[in-house]
Amino acid sequence: MNKARTKMDASIPRNMAPFFQEYDLDKLNLVRSSQTIIERRLQYGNRDELAWLFQQYDRGQVADWVRRLGARRLFRRNFDFWRLMLDVDDAEDPFKGADRIWPH
């Protein structure tokens, strides 16, 4: 059996249901719903859930998501963390150079 096919046939673990309340977990597809799944796991995932995420999607896929969508879909602190962890220097960063109330 093809290893990649086996990974994509997997379903989202039930313990992650609170982060997908507006979805039917049985109908979420790991390929078609990858942007939402990556977003929710990077934003709210614990160690086990993040390990699951990186078993389903390779580091390059997740880094590409952070590069393209991370600044708009993650909290600023999470975006900065994942950009650093995944070595994504060329991410779109709408906050860069913006006037901010707090200098952090």
PDB file of N, CA and C in Angstrom:
ATOM      1  N   MET A   1       0.843  -1.182   0.000  1.00  0.00           N
ATOM      2  CA  MET A   1       0.000   0.000   0.000  1.00  0.00           C
ATOM      3  C   MET A   1       0.884   1.240   0.000  1.00  0.00           C
ATOM      4  N   ASN A   2       0.488   2.250  -0.740  1.00  0.00           N
ATOM      5  CA  ASN A   2       1.228   3.494  -0.857  1.00  0.00           C
ATOM      6  C   ASN A   2       1.173   4.254   0.466  1.00  0.00           C
ATOM      7  N   LYS A   3       2.347   4.613   1.007  1.00  0.00           N
ATOM      8  CA  LYS A   3       2.422   5.288   2.305  1.00  0.00           C
ATOM      9  C   LYS A   3       1.711   6.640   2.277  1.00  0.00           C
ATOM     10  N   ALA A   4       1.906   7.430   1.211  1.00  0.00           N
ATOM     11  CA  ALA A   4       1.263   8.746   1.114  1.00  0.00           C
ATOM     12  C   ALA A   4      -0.251   8.594   1.090  1.00  0.00           C
ATOM     13  N   ARG A   5      -0.751   7.606   0.388  1.00  0.00           N
ATOM     14  CA  ARG A   5      -2.197   7.394   0.324  1.00  0.00           C
ATOM     15  C   ARG A   5      -2.735   7.013   1.694  1.00  0.00           C
ATOM     16  N   THR A   6      -2.011   6.203   2.427  1.00  0.00           N
ATOM     17  CA  THR A   6      -2.433   5.799   3.766  1.00  0.00           C
ATOM     18  C   THR A   6      -2.526   7.024   4.676  1.00  0.00           C
ATOM     19  N   LYS A   7      -1.556   7.929   4.591  1.00  0.00           N
ATOM     20  CA  LYS A   7      -1.591   9.133   5.420  1.00  0.00           C
ATOM     21  C   LYS A   7      -2.813   9.981   5.088  1.00  0.00           C
ATOM     22  N   MET A   8      -3.101  10.177   3.823  1.00  0.00           N
ATOM     23  CA  MET A   8      -4.199  11.044   3.442  1.00  0.00           C
ATOM     24  C   MET A   8      -5.563  10.384   3.657  1.00  0.00           C
ATOM     25  N   ASP A   9      -5.589   9.067   3.823  1.00  0.00           N
ATOM     26  CA  ASP A   9      -6.836   8.385   4.130  1.00  0.00           C
ATOM     27  C   ASP A   9      -7.178   8.476   5.607  1.00  0.00           C
ATOM     28  N   ALA A  10      -6.230   8.901   6.416  1.00  0.00           N
ATOM     29  CA  ALA A  10      -6.447   9.007   7.856  1.00  0.00           C
ATOM     30  C   ALA A  10      -7.508  10.064   8.134  1.00  0.00           C
ATOM     31  N   SER A  11      -8.138   9.942   9.271  1.00  0.00           N
ATOM     32  CA  SER A  11      -9.139  10.936   9.641  1.00  0.00           C
ATOM     33  C   SER A  11      -8.605  11.810  10.770  1.00  0.00           C
ATOM     34  N   ILE A  12      -9.289  12.896  10.999  1.00  0.00           N
ATOM     35  CA  ILE A  12      -8.895  13.816  12.056  1.00  0.00           C
ATOM     36  C   ILE A  12      -9.274  13.195  13.393  1.00  0.00           C
ATOM     37  N   PRO A  13      -8.335  13.118  14.318  1.00  0.00           N
ATOM     38  CA  PRO A  13      -8.629  12.510  15.621  1.00  0.00           C
ATOM     39  C   PRO A  13      -9.761  13.237  16.350  1.00  0.00           C
ATOM     40  N   ARG A  14     -10.585  12.502  17.035  1.00  0.00           N
ATOM     41  CA  ARG A  14     -11.754  13.044  17.741  1.00  0.00           C
ATOM     42  C   ARG A  14     -11.376  14.062  18.813  1.00  0.00           C
ATOM     43  N   ASN A  15     -10.201  13.945  19.390  1.00  0.00           N
ATOM     44  CA  ASN A  15      -9.814  14.911  20.426  1.00  0.00           C
ATOM     45  C   ASN A  15      -9.596  16.315  19.851  1.00  0.00           C
ATOM     46  N   MET A  16      -9.542  16.435  18.542  1.00  0.00           N
ATOM     47  CA  MET A  16      -9.381  17.740  17.913  1.00  0.00           C
ATOM     48  C   MET A  16     -10.722  18.391  17.571  1.00  0.00           C
ATOM     49  N   ALA A  17     -11.811  17.714  17.836  1.00  0.00           N
ATOM     50  CA  ALA A  17     -13.146  18.207  17.482  1.00  0.00           C
ATOM     51  C   ALA A  17     -13.457  19.617  18.000  1.00  0.00           C
ATOM     52  N   PRO A  18     -13.039  20.005  19.207  1.00  0.00           N
ATOM     53  CA  PRO A  18     -13.373  21.354  19.669  1.00  0.00           C
ATOM     54  C   PRO A  18     -12.846  22.476  18.766  1.00  0.00           C
ATOM     55  N   PHE A  19     -11.836  22.203  17.991  1.00  0.00           N
ATOM     56  CA  PHE A  19     -11.258  23.220  17.121  1.00  0.00           C
ATOM     57  C   PHE A  19     -11.850  23.211  15.718  1.00  0.00           C
ATOM     58  N   PHE A  20     -12.787  22.310  15.499  1.00  0.00           N
ATOM     59  CA  PHE A  20     -13.476  22.206  14.210  1.00  0.00           C
ATOM     60  C   PHE A  20     -14.983  22.134  14.447  1.00  0.00           C
ATOM     61  N   GLN A  21     -15.485  22.942  15.350  1.00  0.00           N
ATOM     62  CA  GLN A  21     -16.888  22.862  15.748  1.00  0.00           C
ATOM     63  C   GLN A  21     -17.851  23.109  14.595  1.00  0.00           C
ATOM     64  N   GLU A  22     -17.469  23.918  13.636  1.00  0.00           N
ATOM     65  CA  GLU A  22     -18.367  24.231  12.537  1.00  0.00           C
ATOM     66  C   GLU A  22     -18.295  23.213  11.396  1.00  0.00           C
ATOM     67  N   TYR A  23     -17.499  22.159  11.587  1.00  0.00           N
ATOM     68  CA  TYR A  23     -17.330  21.134  10.569  1.00  0.00           C
ATOM     69  C   TYR A  23     -17.754  19.767  11.083  1.00  0.00           C
ATOM     70  N   ASP A  24     -18.128  18.905  10.163  1.00  0.00           N
ATOM     71  CA  ASP A  24     -18.352  17.497  10.458  1.00  0.00           C
ATOM     72  C   ASP A  24     -17.001  16.804  10.231  1.00  0.00           C
ATOM     73  N   LEU A  25     -16.383  16.326  11.302  1.00  0.00           N
ATOM     74  CA  LEU A  25     -15.041  15.731  11.183  1.00  0.00           C
ATOM     75  C   LEU A  25     -14.984  14.595  10.174  1.00  0.00           C
ATOM     76  N   ASP A  26     -16.069  13.847  10.061  1.00  0.00           N
ATOM     77  CA  ASP A  26     -16.085  12.725   9.121  1.00  0.00           C
ATOM     78  C   ASP A  26     -16.057  13.183   7.667  1.00  0.00           C
ATOM     79  N   LYS A  27     -16.426  14.430   7.446  1.00  0.00           N
ATOM     80  CA  LYS A  27     -16.457  14.947   6.078  1.00  0.00           C
ATOM     81  C   LYS A  27     -15.253  15.807   5.730  1.00  0.00           C
ATOM     82  N   LEU A  28     -14.432  16.144   6.714  1.00  0.00           N
ATOM     83  CA  LEU A  28     -13.223  16.916   6.415  1.00  0.00           C
ATOM     84  C   LEU A  28     -12.234  16.014   5.682  1.00  0.00           C
ATOM     85  N   ASN A  29     -11.716  16.515   4.598  1.00  0.00           N
ATOM     86  CA  ASN A  29     -10.772  15.774   3.781  1.00  0.00           C
ATOM     87  C   ASN A  29      -9.381  16.358   4.010  1.00  0.00           C
ATOM     88  N   LEU A  30      -8.410  15.510   4.293  1.00  0.00           N
ATOM     89  CA  LEU A  30      -7.065  15.982   4.611  1.00  0.00           C
ATOM     90  C   LEU A  30      -6.390  16.712   3.459  1.00  0.00           C
ATOM     91  N   VAL A  31      -6.826  16.463   2.244  1.00  0.00           N
ATOM     92  CA  VAL A  31      -6.248  17.163   1.094  1.00  0.00           C
ATOM     93  C   VAL A  31      -7.012  18.451   0.821  1.00  0.00           C
ATOM     94  N   ARG A  32      -8.317  18.341   0.631  1.00  0.00           N
ATOM     95  CA  ARG A  32      -9.126  19.520   0.295  1.00  0.00           C
ATOM     96  C   ARG A  32      -9.205  20.525   1.449  1.00  0.00           C
ATOM     97  N   SER A  33      -9.160  20.057   2.679  1.00  0.00           N
ATOM     98  CA  SER A  33      -9.291  20.928   3.854  1.00  0.00           C
ATOM     99  C   SER A  33      -7.953  21.228   4.512  1.00  0.00           C
ATOM    100  N   SER A  34      -6.871  21.000   3.796  1.00  0.00           N
ATOM    101  CA  SER A  34      -5.541  21.126   4.409  1.00  0.00           C
ATOM    102  C   SER A  34      -5.279  22.522   4.972  1.00  0.00           C
ATOM    103  N   GLN A  35      -5.740  23.572   4.298  1.00  0.00           N
ATOM    104  CA  GLN A  35      -5.470  24.920   4.800  1.00  0.00           C
ATOM    105  C   GLN A  35      -6.108  25.153   6.164  1.00  0.00           C
ATOM    106  N   THR A  36      -7.332  24.706   6.321  1.00  0.00           N
ATOM    107  CA  THR A  36      -8.029  24.862   7.605  1.00  0.00           C
ATOM    108  C   THR A  36      -7.394  23.998   8.677  1.00  0.00           C
ATOM    109  N   ILE A  37      -7.060  22.773   8.334  1.00  0.00           N
ATOM    110  CA  ILE A  37      -6.464  21.851   9.300  1.00  0.00           C
ATOM    111  C   ILE A  37      -5.109  22.372   9.773  1.00  0.00           C
ATOM    112  N   ILE A  38      -4.281  22.816   8.843  1.00  0.00           N
ATOM    113  CA  ILE A  38      -2.966  23.355   9.213  1.00  0.00           C
ATOM    114  C   ILE A  38      -3.141  24.581  10.094  1.00  0.00           C
ATOM    115  N   GLU A  39      -4.045  25.465   9.706  1.00  0.00           N
ATOM    116  CA  GLU A  39      -4.276  26.676  10.505  1.00  0.00           C
ATOM    117  C   GLU A  39      -4.661  26.348  11.937  1.00  0.00           C
ATOM    118  N   ARG A  40      -5.637  25.477  12.121  1.00  0.00           N
ATOM    119  CA  ARG A  40      -6.133  25.178  13.467  1.00  0.00           C
ATOM    120  C   ARG A  40      -5.074  24.470  14.309  1.00  0.00           C
ATOM    121  N   ARG A  41      -4.288  23.596  13.706  1.00  0.00           N
ATOM    122  CA  ARG A  41      -3.265  22.884  14.474  1.00  0.00           C
ATOM    123  C   ARG A  41      -2.123  23.819  14.850  1.00  0.00           C
ATOM    124  N   LEU A  42      -1.689  24.684  13.938  1.00  0.00           N
ATOM    125  CA  LEU A  42      -0.612  25.608  14.287  1.00  0.00           C
ATOM    126  C   LEU A  42      -1.069  26.624  15.319  1.00  0.00           C
ATOM    127  N   GLN A  43      -2.326  26.985  15.261  1.00  0.00           N
ATOM    128  CA  GLN A  43      -2.853  27.985  16.183  1.00  0.00           C
ATOM    129  C   GLN A  43      -3.107  27.423  17.579  1.00  0.00           C
ATOM    130  N   TYR A  44      -3.708  26.238  17.662  1.00  0.00           N
ATOM    131  CA  TYR A  44      -4.200  25.725  18.942  1.00  0.00           C
ATOM    132  C   TYR A  44      -3.637  24.369  19.358  1.00  0.00           C
ATOM    133  N   GLY A  45      -2.822  23.747  18.529  1.00  0.00           N
ATOM    134  CA  GLY A  45      -2.399  22.382  18.786  1.00  0.00           C
ATOM    135  C   GLY A  45      -1.442  22.203  19.951  1.00  0.00           C
ATOM    136  N   ASN A  46      -1.650  21.106  20.668  1.00  0.00           N
ATOM    137  CA  ASN A  46      -0.692  20.733  21.704  1.00  0.00           C
ATOM    138  C   ASN A  46       0.387  19.855  21.056  1.00  0.00           C
ATOM    139  N   ARG A  47       1.285  19.352  21.837  1.00  0.00           N
ATOM    140  CA  ARG A  47       2.405  18.574  21.296  1.00  0.00           C
ATOM    141  C   ARG A  47       1.948  17.365  20.477  1.00  0.00           C
ATOM    142  N   ASP A  48       0.992  16.612  21.001  1.00  0.00           N
ATOM    143  CA  ASP A  48       0.505  15.425  20.283  1.00  0.00           C
ATOM    144  C   ASP A  48      -0.210  15.806  18.989  1.00  0.00           C
ATOM    145  N   GLU A  49      -0.991  16.866  19.042  1.00  0.00           N
ATOM    146  CA  GLU A  49      -1.720  17.298  17.847  1.00  0.00           C
ATOM    147  C   GLU A  49      -0.777  17.840  16.784  1.00  0.00           C
ATOM    148  N   LEU A  50       0.274  18.507  17.207  1.00  0.00           N
ATOM    149  CA  LEU A  50       1.269  18.989  16.252  1.00  0.00           C
ATOM    150  C   LEU A  50       2.052  17.827  15.645  1.00  0.00           C
ATOM    151  N   ALA A  51       2.341  16.808  16.455  1.00  0.00           N
ATOM    152  CA  ALA A  51       3.010  15.619  15.924  1.00  0.00           C
ATOM    153  C   ALA A  51       2.129  14.971  14.860  1.00  0.00           C
ATOM    154  N   TRP A  52       0.832  14.894  15.127  1.00  0.00           N
ATOM    155  CA  TRP A  52      -0.114  14.347  14.146  1.00  0.00           C
ATOM    156  C   TRP A  52      -0.082  15.180  12.865  1.00  0.00           C
ATOM    157  N   LEU A  53      -0.088  16.515  13.008  1.00  0.00           N
ATOM    158  CA  LEU A  53      -0.073  17.413  11.849  1.00  0.00           C
ATOM    159  C   LEU A  53       1.130  17.119  10.957  1.00  0.00           C
ATOM    160  N   PHE A  54       2.307  16.986  11.575  1.00  0.00           N
ATOM    161  CA  PHE A  54       3.518  16.763  10.792  1.00  0.00           C
ATOM    162  C   PHE A  54       3.641  15.327  10.286  1.00  0.00           C
ATOM    163  N   GLN A  55       2.803  14.430  10.769  1.00  0.00           N
ATOM    164  CA  GLN A  55       2.716  13.092  10.173  1.00  0.00           C
ATOM    165  C   GLN A  55       1.852  13.135   8.913  1.00  0.00           C
ATOM    166  N   GLN A  56       0.885  14.035   8.900  1.00  0.00           N
ATOM    167  CA  GLN A  56      -0.025  14.142   7.761  1.00  0.00           C
ATOM    168  C   GLN A  56       0.534  15.007   6.636  1.00  0.00           C
ATOM    169  N   TYR A  57       1.210  16.082   7.005  1.00  0.00           N
ATOM    170  CA  TYR A  57       1.735  17.039   6.035  1.00  0.00           C
ATOM    171  C   TYR A  57       3.233  17.194   6.272  1.00  0.00           C
ATOM    172  N   ASP A  58       3.995  17.207   5.190  1.00  0.00           N
ATOM    173  CA  ASP A  58       5.437  17.347   5.394  1.00  0.00           C
ATOM    174  C   ASP A  58       5.790  18.786   5.758  1.00  0.00           C
ATOM    175  N   ARG A  59       6.963  18.954   6.275  1.00  0.00           N
ATOM    176  CA  ARG A  59       7.442  20.258   6.764  1.00  0.00           C
ATOM    177  C   ARG A  59       7.359  21.318   5.674  1.00  0.00           C
ATOM    178  N   GLY A  60       7.659  20.945   4.452  1.00  0.00           N
ATOM    179  CA  GLY A  60       7.601  21.885   3.339  1.00  0.00           C
ATOM    180  C   GLY A  60       6.194  22.405   3.087  1.00  0.00           C
ATOM    181  N   GLN A  61       5.199  21.537   3.176  1.00  0.00           N
ATOM    182  CA  GLN A  61       3.813  21.965   2.996  1.00  0.00           C
ATOM    183  C   GLN A  61       3.400  22.957   4.075  1.00  0.00           C
ATOM    184  N   VAL A  62       3.767  22.658   5.301  1.00  0.00           N
ATOM    185  CA  VAL A  62       3.401  23.531   6.418  1.00  0.00           C
ATOM    186  C   VAL A  62       4.146  24.860   6.302  1.00  0.00           C
ATOM    187  N   ALA A  63       5.424  24.804   5.952  1.00  0.00           N
ATOM    188  CA  ALA A  63       6.205  26.036   5.777  1.00  0.00           C
ATOM    189  C   ALA A  63       5.613  26.890   4.660  1.00  0.00           C
ATOM    190  N   ASP A  64       5.192  26.261   3.583  1.00  0.00           N
ATOM    191  CA  ASP A  64       4.578  26.994   2.483  1.00  0.00           C
ATOM    192  C   ASP A  64       3.281  27.662   2.943  1.00  0.00           C
ATOM    193  N   TRP A  65       2.501  26.970   3.760  1.00  0.00           N
ATOM    194  CA  TRP A  65       1.267  27.553   4.297  1.00  0.00           C
ATOM    195  C   TRP A  65       1.604  28.790   5.145  1.00  0.00           C
ATOM    196  N   VAL A  66       2.610  28.677   6.008  1.00  0.00           N
ATOM    197  CA  VAL A  66       3.018  29.808   6.853  1.00  0.00           C
ATOM    198  C   VAL A  66       3.469  30.966   5.969  1.00  0.00           C
ATOM    199  N   ARG A  67       4.217  30.670   4.939  1.00  0.00           N
ATOM    200  CA  ARG A  67       4.721  31.699   4.024  1.00  0.00           C
ATOM    201  C   ARG A  67       3.567  32.446   3.348  1.00  0.00           C
ATOM    202  N   ARG A  68       2.573  31.718   2.872  1.00  0.00           N
ATOM    203  CA  ARG A  68       1.492  32.333   2.110  1.00  0.00           C
ATOM    204  C   ARG A  68       0.362  32.904   2.966  1.00  0.00           C
ATOM    205  N   LEU A  69      -0.024  32.181   4.019  1.00  0.00           N
ATOM    206  CA  LEU A  69      -1.241  32.527   4.748  1.00  0.00           C
ATOM    207  C   LEU A  69      -1.049  32.808   6.234  1.00  0.00           C
ATOM    208  N   GLY A  70       0.093  32.470   6.765  1.00  0.00           N
ATOM    209  CA  GLY A  70       0.293  32.544   8.206  1.00  0.00           C
ATOM    210  C   GLY A  70       0.048  33.905   8.820  1.00  0.00           C
ATOM    211  N   ALA A  71       0.521  34.959   8.172  1.00  0.00           N
ATOM    212  CA  ALA A  71       0.374  36.299   8.745  1.00  0.00           C
ATOM    213  C   ALA A  71      -1.077  36.726   8.838  1.00  0.00           C
ATOM    214  N   ARG A  72      -1.903  36.220   7.938  1.00  0.00           N
ATOM    215  CA  ARG A  72      -3.314  36.611   7.941  1.00  0.00           C
ATOM    216  C   ARG A  72      -4.188  35.711   8.787  1.00  0.00           C
ATOM    217  N   ARG A  73      -3.741  34.479   9.045  1.00  0.00           N
ATOM    218  CA  ARG A  73      -4.615  33.518   9.702  1.00  0.00           C
ATOM    219  C   ARG A  73      -4.174  33.095  11.094  1.00  0.00           C
ATOM    220  N   LEU A  74      -2.969  33.441  11.483  1.00  0.00           N
ATOM    221  CA  LEU A  74      -2.484  33.089  12.819  1.00  0.00           C
ATOM    222  C   LEU A  74      -2.360  34.347  13.666  1.00  0.00           C
ATOM    223  N   PHE A  75      -2.457  34.161  14.982  1.00  0.00           N
ATOM    224  CA  PHE A  75      -2.143  35.265  15.878  1.00  0.00           C
ATOM    225  C   PHE A  75      -0.699  35.655  15.616  1.00  0.00           C
ATOM    226  N   ARG A  76      -0.398  36.913  15.790  1.00  0.00           N
ATOM    227  CA  ARG A  76       0.950  37.418  15.498  1.00  0.00           C
ATOM    228  C   ARG A  76       2.039  36.589  16.200  1.00  0.00           C
ATOM    229  N   ARG A  77       1.841  36.289  17.467  1.00  0.00           N
ATOM    230  CA  ARG A  77       2.836  35.527  18.227  1.00  0.00           C
ATOM    231  C   ARG A  77       3.024  34.134  17.621  1.00  0.00           C
ATOM    232  N   ASN A  78       1.931  33.483  17.237  1.00  0.00           N
ATOM    233  CA  ASN A  78       2.033  32.152  16.631  1.00  0.00           C
ATOM    234  C   ASN A  78       2.704  32.222  15.266  1.00  0.00           C
ATOM    235  N   PHE A  79       2.349  33.250  14.501  1.00  0.00           N
ATOM    236  CA  PHE A  79       2.977  33.433  13.188  1.00  0.00           C
ATOM    237  C   PHE A  79       4.481  33.580  13.331  1.00  0.00           C
ATOM    238  N   ASP A  80       4.924  34.433  14.245  1.00  0.00           N
ATOM    239  CA  ASP A  80       6.361  34.628  14.458  1.00  0.00           C
ATOM    240  C   ASP A  80       7.045  33.340  14.913  1.00  0.00           C
ATOM    241  N   PHE A  81       6.397  32.606  15.802  1.00  0.00           N
ATOM    242  CA  PHE A  81       6.962  31.344  16.289  1.00  0.00           C
ATOM    243  C   PHE A  81       7.149  30.352  15.141  1.00  0.00           C
ATOM    244  N   TRP A  82       6.086  30.132  14.351  1.00  0.00           N
ATOM    245  CA  TRP A  82       6.173  29.131  13.282  1.00  0.00           C
ATOM    246  C   TRP A  82       7.092  29.587  12.158  1.00  0.00           C
ATOM    247  N   ARG A  83       7.152  30.863  11.921  1.00  0.00           N
ATOM    248  CA  ARG A  83       8.090  31.369  10.915  1.00  0.00           C
ATOM    249  C   ARG A  83       9.523  31.054  11.342  1.00  0.00           C
ATOM    250  N   LEU A  84       9.806  31.226  12.621  1.00  0.00           N
ATOM    251  CA  LEU A  84      11.130  30.914  13.156  1.00  0.00           C
ATOM    252  C   LEU A  84      11.391  29.401  13.149  1.00  0.00           C
ATOM    253  N   MET A  85      10.436  28.625  13.641  1.00  0.00           N
ATOM    254  CA  MET A  85      10.618  27.171  13.741  1.00  0.00           C
ATOM    255  C   MET A  85      10.767  26.501  12.379  1.00  0.00           C
ATOM    256  N   LEU A  86      10.083  27.019  11.378  1.00  0.00           N
ATOM    257  CA  LEU A  86      10.112  26.412  10.048  1.00  0.00           C
ATOM    258  C   LEU A  86      11.082  27.117   9.108  1.00  0.00           C
ATOM    259  N   ASP A  87      11.838  28.092   9.653  1.00  0.00           N
ATOM    260  CA  ASP A  87      12.849  28.813   8.879  1.00  0.00           C
ATOM    261  C   ASP A  87      12.238  29.436   7.621  1.00  0.00           C
ATOM    262  N   VAL A  88      11.160  30.175   7.835  1.00  0.00           N
ATOM    263  CA  VAL A  88      10.456  30.836   6.744  1.00  0.00           C
ATOM    264  C   VAL A  88      10.782  32.327   6.811  1.00  0.00           C
ATOM    265  N   ASP A  89      11.833  32.727   6.111  1.00  0.00           N
ATOM    266  CA  ASP A  89      12.273  34.126   6.144  1.00  0.00           C
ATOM    267  C   ASP A  89      11.493  35.012   5.174  1.00  0.00           C
ATOM    268  N   ASP A  90      10.976  34.413   4.114  1.00  0.00           N
ATOM    269  CA  ASP A  90      10.348  35.218   3.070  1.00  0.00           C
ATOM    270  C   ASP A  90       8.827  35.235   3.172  1.00  0.00           C
ATOM    271  N   ALA A  91       8.301  35.056   4.384  1.00  0.00           N
ATOM    272  CA  ALA A  91       6.852  35.058   4.574  1.00  0.00           C
ATOM    273  C   ALA A  91       6.293  36.456   4.382  1.00  0.00           C
ATOM    274  N   GLU A  92       5.097  36.501   3.822  1.00  0.00           N
ATOM    275  CA  GLU A  92       4.390  37.765   3.699  1.00  0.00           C
ATOM    276  C   GLU A  92       4.069  38.244   5.112  1.00  0.00           C
ATOM    277  N   ASP A  93       4.513  39.433   5.460  1.00  0.00           N
ATOM    278  CA  ASP A  93       4.319  39.948   6.817  1.00  0.00           C
ATOM    279  C   ASP A  93       3.692  41.338   6.767  1.00  0.00           C
ATOM    280  N   PRO A  94       2.366  41.410   6.855  1.00  0.00           N
ATOM    281  CA  PRO A  94       1.703  42.714   6.786  1.00  0.00           C
ATOM    282  C   PRO A  94       1.987  43.594   7.995  1.00  0.00           C
ATOM    283  N   PHE A  95       2.547  43.025   9.069  1.00  0.00           N
ATOM    284  CA  PHE A  95       2.839  43.789  10.277  1.00  0.00           C
ATOM    285  C   PHE A  95       4.187  44.494  10.203  1.00  0.00           C
ATOM    286  N   LYS A  96       5.020  44.087   9.291  1.00  0.00           N
ATOM    287  CA  LYS A  96       6.376  44.627   9.218  1.00  0.00           C
ATOM    288  C   LYS A  96       6.331  46.124   8.907  1.00  0.00           C
ATOM    289  N   GLY A  97       6.984  46.896   9.743  1.00  0.00           N
ATOM    290  CA  GLY A  97       7.063  48.320   9.550  1.00  0.00           C
ATOM    291  C   GLY A  97       5.800  49.085   9.912  1.00  0.00           C
ATOM    292  N   ALA A  98       4.781  48.390  10.362  1.00  0.00           N
ATOM    293  CA  ALA A  98       3.538  49.078  10.720  1.00  0.00           C
ATOM    294  C   ALA A  98       3.693  49.810  12.046  1.00  0.00           C
ATOM    295  N   ASP A  99       3.052  50.945  12.131  1.00  0.00           N
ATOM    296  CA  ASP A  99       3.025  51.659  13.405  1.00  0.00           C
ATOM    297  C   ASP A  99       2.206  50.837  14.385  1.00  0.00           C
ATOM    298  N   ARG A 100       2.755  50.630  15.551  1.00  0.00           N
ATOM    299  CA  ARG A 100       2.085  49.807  16.533  1.00  0.00           C
ATOM    300  C   ARG A 100       2.039  50.539  17.870  1.00  0.00           C
ATOM    301  N   ILE A 101       1.006  50.288  18.626  1.00  0.00           N
ATOM    302  CA  ILE A 101       0.873  50.906  19.942  1.00  0.00           C
ATOM    303  C   ILE A 101       1.975  50.406  20.857  1.00  0.00           C
ATOM    304  N   TRP A 102       2.171  49.100  20.876  1.00  0.00           N
ATOM    305  CA  TRP A 102       3.209  48.498  21.727  1.00  0.00           C
ATOM    306  C   TRP A 102       4.425  48.205  20.866  1.00  0.00           C
ATOM    307  N   PRO A 103       5.611  48.516  21.346  1.00  0.00           N
ATOM    308  CA  PRO A 103       6.813  48.286  20.541  1.00  0.00           C
ATOM    309  C   PRO A 103       7.329  46.845  20.609  1.00  0.00           C
ATOM    310  N   HIS A 104       6.445  45.862  20.685  1.00  0.00           N
ATOM    311  CA  HIS A 104       6.843  44.452  20.790  1.00  0.00           C
ATOM    312  C   HIS A 104       6.395  43.689  19.588  1.00  0.00           C
TER     313      HIS A 104
END
